[in-house]
Amino acid sequence: MARKVVQGPIRDKEKTKQKLLGAVGKILRTKGYAGLKVSKIAAVAGFDKKLIYEYFGSTEKLIDEYVKTQDYWSRMNQNNMEVDISDGGRELSKMAILNQYDYIKKNKELQKIILWGLSESKPILKKIADEREQMGELLFSNIVDPYFEEKSTRYRAIAAILVSGAYYLNLYTAHNASTFCGIDLKTDEGRHEIEKAIAEIIDFAYDEK
């Protein structure tokens, strides 16, 4: 007689992990970061909370892994992009910041994570921020700095304003009014104006080098 194979979370570890990660996202969307308690995550996923410790080690590590899957710059680092960098990173800068601007708009969970990072000091969020800086440093030190030479810090400052602006405009639009400086950022036309401005500022910085 054939032995019966028992299906369940023990035999389907990866599926269970994905459900637990998905539960973190669902709670962030509906309750915010204050709702990320071990019992709540387990209940939403439909599993015993002991599986969180078994598969991730702790609730903090589970949340850490989820945040990494949502962070734009962490995901960018995992993608094998083929980009011509002979222009000193001009087009790479445009692609990275414009994609970030669009990605934040679409990712409601990431919006919650960003707000969480602005309102609380957490080791999880500091770790992600540090990794984000490391990713940015690779772009700057290997591609942009050699191109701008003594003006490299100036371009870093311009990039900082553009990246932070992409964060803020999306958060402001999602959680407050849709209009900023008279531009309706909930319309395609309004967002396109911001995108054109980002590209033009990057071009200006490279042309003035």
Protein backbone atom coordinates (compact mmCIF):
# COMPACT_ATOMS: atom_id res chain seq x y z
CA MET A 1 0.00 0.00 0.00
CA ALA A 2 1.37 3.39 -1.06
CA ARG A 3 2.26 5.72 1.77
CA LYS A 4 0.02 8.76 1.96
CA VAL A 5 1.80 12.07 1.46
CA VAL A 6 0.56 14.63 3.94
CA GLN A 7 0.24 18.10 2.49
CA GLY A 8 0.73 21.12 4.71
CA PRO A 9 3.03 23.93 5.71
CA ILE A 10 5.82 21.59 6.86
CA ARG A 11 6.02 19.98 3.40
CA ASP A 12 5.49 23.21 1.53
CA LYS A 13 7.88 25.57 3.27
CA GLU A 14 8.31 28.04 0.41
CA LYS A 15 4.58 28.42 -0.12
CA THR A 16 4.08 28.99 3.59
CA LYS A 17 6.85 31.60 3.68
CA GLN A 18 5.25 33.46 0.79
CA LYS A 19 1.89 33.45 2.58
CA LEU A 20 3.50 34.86 5.70
CA LEU A 21 5.25 37.55 3.67
CA GLY A 22 1.95 38.30 1.95
CA ALA A 23 0.27 38.66 5.33
CA VAL A 24 2.80 41.34 6.28
CA GLY A 25 1.90 43.25 3.12
CA LYS A 26 -1.82 42.93 3.72
CA ILE A 27 -1.50 44.23 7.28
CA LEU A 28 0.64 47.15 6.12
CA ARG A 29 -2.00 48.12 3.55
CA THR A 30 -4.94 47.89 5.94
CA LYS A 31 -3.59 48.55 9.45
CA GLY A 32 -0.21 50.16 8.89
CA TYR A 33 3.03 49.21 10.61
CA ALA A 34 1.41 49.36 14.06
CA GLY A 35 -0.51 46.19 13.14
CA LEU A 36 2.58 44.09 12.52
CA LYS A 37 2.29 41.83 15.56
CA VAL A 38 3.27 38.17 15.47
CA SER A 39 -0.21 36.91 16.36
CA LYS A 40 -1.85 39.16 13.76
CA ILE A 41 0.54 38.12 11.01
CA ALA A 42 -0.02 34.44 11.80
CA ALA A 43 -3.80 34.88 11.86
CA VAL A 44 -3.91 36.69 8.53
CA ALA A 45 -1.68 34.03 6.95
CA GLY A 46 -3.76 31.26 8.49
CA PHE A 47 -0.84 29.52 10.24
CA ASP A 48 0.42 28.93 13.76
CA LYS A 49 2.79 31.70 14.82
CA LYS A 50 5.48 29.11 15.61
CA LEU A 51 6.06 28.82 11.85
CA ILE A 52 7.24 32.43 11.79
CA TYR A 53 10.02 31.51 14.21
CA GLU A 54 10.72 28.23 12.44
CA TYR A 55 11.04 29.72 8.94
CA PHE A 56 12.32 33.23 9.66
CA GLY A 57 13.79 33.11 13.16
CA SER A 58 11.75 36.04 14.45
CA THR A 59 9.01 38.48 13.53
CA GLU A 60 11.67 41.15 12.96
CA LYS A 61 13.44 38.96 10.39
CA LEU A 62 10.14 38.20 8.65
CA ILE A 63 9.37 41.91 8.36
CA ASP A 64 12.96 42.57 7.30
CA GLU A 65 12.67 40.09 4.43
CA TYR A 66 9.34 41.58 3.37
CA VAL A 67 10.71 45.14 3.37
CA LYS A 68 13.62 44.01 1.18
CA THR A 69 11.20 42.58 -1.38
CA GLN A 70 9.43 45.95 -1.63
CA ASP A 71 12.32 48.43 -1.49
CA TYR A 72 12.98 49.83 -4.97
CA TRP A 73 16.75 50.13 -4.68
CA SER A 74 17.12 46.65 -3.17
CA ARG A 75 15.14 45.20 -6.07
CA MET A 76 17.15 47.24 -8.57
CA ASN A 77 20.34 45.73 -7.18
CA GLN A 78 18.96 42.24 -7.82
CA ASN A 79 18.09 42.96 -11.45
CA ASN A 80 20.69 42.31 -14.13
CA MET A 81 20.34 45.50 -16.12
CA GLU A 82 22.13 46.02 -19.39
CA VAL A 83 22.70 49.76 -19.65
CA ASP A 84 25.26 51.69 -21.67
CA ILE A 85 27.34 53.65 -19.15
CA SER A 86 29.65 55.31 -21.64
CA ASP A 87 27.65 58.55 -21.07
CA GLY A 88 28.81 58.69 -17.46
CA GLY A 89 25.52 57.39 -16.09
CA ARG A 90 23.22 60.00 -17.65
CA GLU A 91 20.66 57.55 -19.02
CA LEU A 92 21.09 55.18 -16.07
CA SER A 93 20.29 58.05 -13.69
CA LYS A 94 17.16 58.91 -15.65
CA MET A 95 16.00 55.31 -15.78
CA ALA A 96 16.65 54.69 -12.09
CA ILE A 97 14.91 57.80 -10.76
CA LEU A 98 11.99 57.76 -13.21
CA ASN A 99 11.35 54.07 -12.50
CA GLN A 100 11.53 54.81 -8.78
CA TYR A 101 8.95 57.60 -9.18
CA ASP A 102 6.57 55.21 -10.94
CA TYR A 103 7.28 52.25 -8.64
CA ILE A 104 6.43 54.16 -5.46
CA LYS A 105 3.12 55.33 -6.94
CA LYS A 106 2.06 51.75 -7.64
CA ASN A 107 3.35 50.15 -4.44
CA LYS A 108 1.07 51.06 -1.52
CA GLU A 109 2.98 48.81 0.84
CA LEU A 110 6.23 50.63 0.08
CA GLN A 111 4.49 53.94 0.79
CA LYS A 112 3.60 52.62 4.26
CA ILE A 113 7.19 51.45 4.78
CA ILE A 114 8.57 54.88 3.85
CA LEU A 115 6.15 56.58 6.25
CA TRP A 116 7.17 54.07 8.92
CA GLY A 117 10.82 54.97 8.38
CA LEU A 118 10.04 58.67 8.74
CA SER A 119 8.13 58.26 11.98
CA GLU A 120 10.10 55.60 13.87
CA SER A 121 13.69 54.51 14.38
CA LYS A 122 13.90 50.77 13.75
CA PRO A 123 16.96 48.55 13.18
CA ILE A 124 15.13 46.88 10.27
CA LEU A 125 14.59 50.17 8.46
CA LYS A 126 18.09 51.45 9.22
CA LYS A 127 19.54 48.27 7.74
CA ILE A 128 17.54 48.74 4.54
CA ALA A 129 18.57 52.41 4.39
CA ASP A 130 22.24 51.41 4.77
CA GLU A 131 21.91 48.83 1.98
CA ARG A 132 20.20 51.44 -0.19
CA GLU A 133 23.16 53.77 0.37
CA GLN A 134 25.58 51.00 -0.55
CA MET A 135 23.70 50.42 -3.80
CA GLY A 136 23.79 54.14 -4.58
CA GLU A 137 27.49 54.30 -3.76
CA LEU A 138 28.21 51.69 -6.42
CA LEU A 139 26.47 53.84 -9.01
CA PHE A 140 28.25 57.01 -7.92
CA SER A 141 31.77 55.78 -7.27
CA ASN A 142 32.02 53.45 -10.28
CA ILE A 143 30.16 55.45 -12.93
CA VAL A 144 29.12 58.99 -12.01
CA ASP A 145 32.07 60.28 -9.95
CA PRO A 146 34.71 59.49 -12.61
CA TYR A 147 32.61 61.41 -15.15
CA PHE A 148 32.00 64.52 -13.02
CA GLU A 149 35.41 64.44 -11.32
CA GLU A 150 35.69 67.46 -8.97
CA LYS A 151 31.99 68.26 -9.49
CA SER A 152 30.84 64.80 -8.38
CA THR A 153 29.53 66.02 -5.00
CA ARG A 154 27.39 68.61 -6.80
CA TYR A 155 25.75 65.90 -8.89
CA ARG A 156 25.23 63.73 -5.81
CA ALA A 157 23.34 66.65 -4.25
CA ILE A 158 21.17 67.00 -7.36
CA ALA A 159 20.44 63.25 -7.31
CA ALA A 160 19.54 63.45 -3.61
CA ILE A 161 16.95 66.15 -4.33
CA LEU A 162 15.47 64.19 -7.23
CA VAL A 163 15.29 60.88 -5.34
CA SER A 164 13.76 62.47 -2.23
CA GLY A 165 11.35 64.44 -4.41
CA ALA A 166 10.17 61.23 -6.07
CA TYR A 167 9.43 59.84 -2.60
CA TYR A 168 7.69 62.92 -1.25
CA LEU A 169 5.48 63.74 -4.24
CA ASN A 170 4.09 60.20 -4.27
CA LEU A 171 3.45 60.18 -0.51
CA TYR A 172 1.87 63.62 -0.57
CA THR A 173 -0.39 62.70 -3.47
CA ALA A 174 -1.41 59.37 -1.92
CA HIS A 175 -2.18 60.69 1.56
CA ASN A 176 -3.17 64.34 1.09
CA ALA A 177 -4.21 66.58 -1.79
CA SER A 178 -3.64 65.60 -5.40
CA THR A 179 -2.33 69.02 -6.45
CA PHE A 180 1.20 70.22 -5.74
CA CYS A 181 2.48 73.56 -7.05
CA GLY A 182 -0.66 73.71 -9.18
CA ILE A 183 0.07 70.37 -10.89
CA ASP A 184 -2.50 67.59 -10.49
CA LEU A 185 -0.28 64.61 -9.74
CA LYS A 186 -3.18 62.16 -9.94
CA THR A 187 -3.43 62.73 -13.68
CA ASP A 188 -1.17 61.22 -16.33
CA GLU A 189 -0.53 64.70 -17.67
CA GLY A 190 0.59 66.00 -14.28
CA ARG A 191 2.90 63.08 -13.59
CA HIS A 192 4.36 63.36 -17.08
CA GLU A 193 5.35 66.96 -16.34
CA ILE A 194 7.25 65.79 -13.26
CA GLU A 195 8.93 63.04 -15.26
CA LYS A 196 10.01 65.53 -17.94
CA ALA A 197 11.38 67.84 -15.26
CA ILE A 198 13.44 65.00 -13.71
CA ALA A 199 14.96 64.13 -17.10
CA GLU A 200 15.65 67.79 -17.90
CA ILE A 201 17.40 68.40 -14.56
CA ILE A 202 19.64 65.38 -15.10
CA ASP A 203 20.43 66.54 -18.65
CA PHE A 204 21.19 70.04 -17.33
CA ALA A 205 23.59 68.65 -14.72
CA TYR A 206 25.45 66.60 -17.35
CA ASP A 207 25.48 69.38 -19.94
CA GLU A 208 26.87 71.85 -17.42
CA LYS A 209 29.65 69.50 -16.36
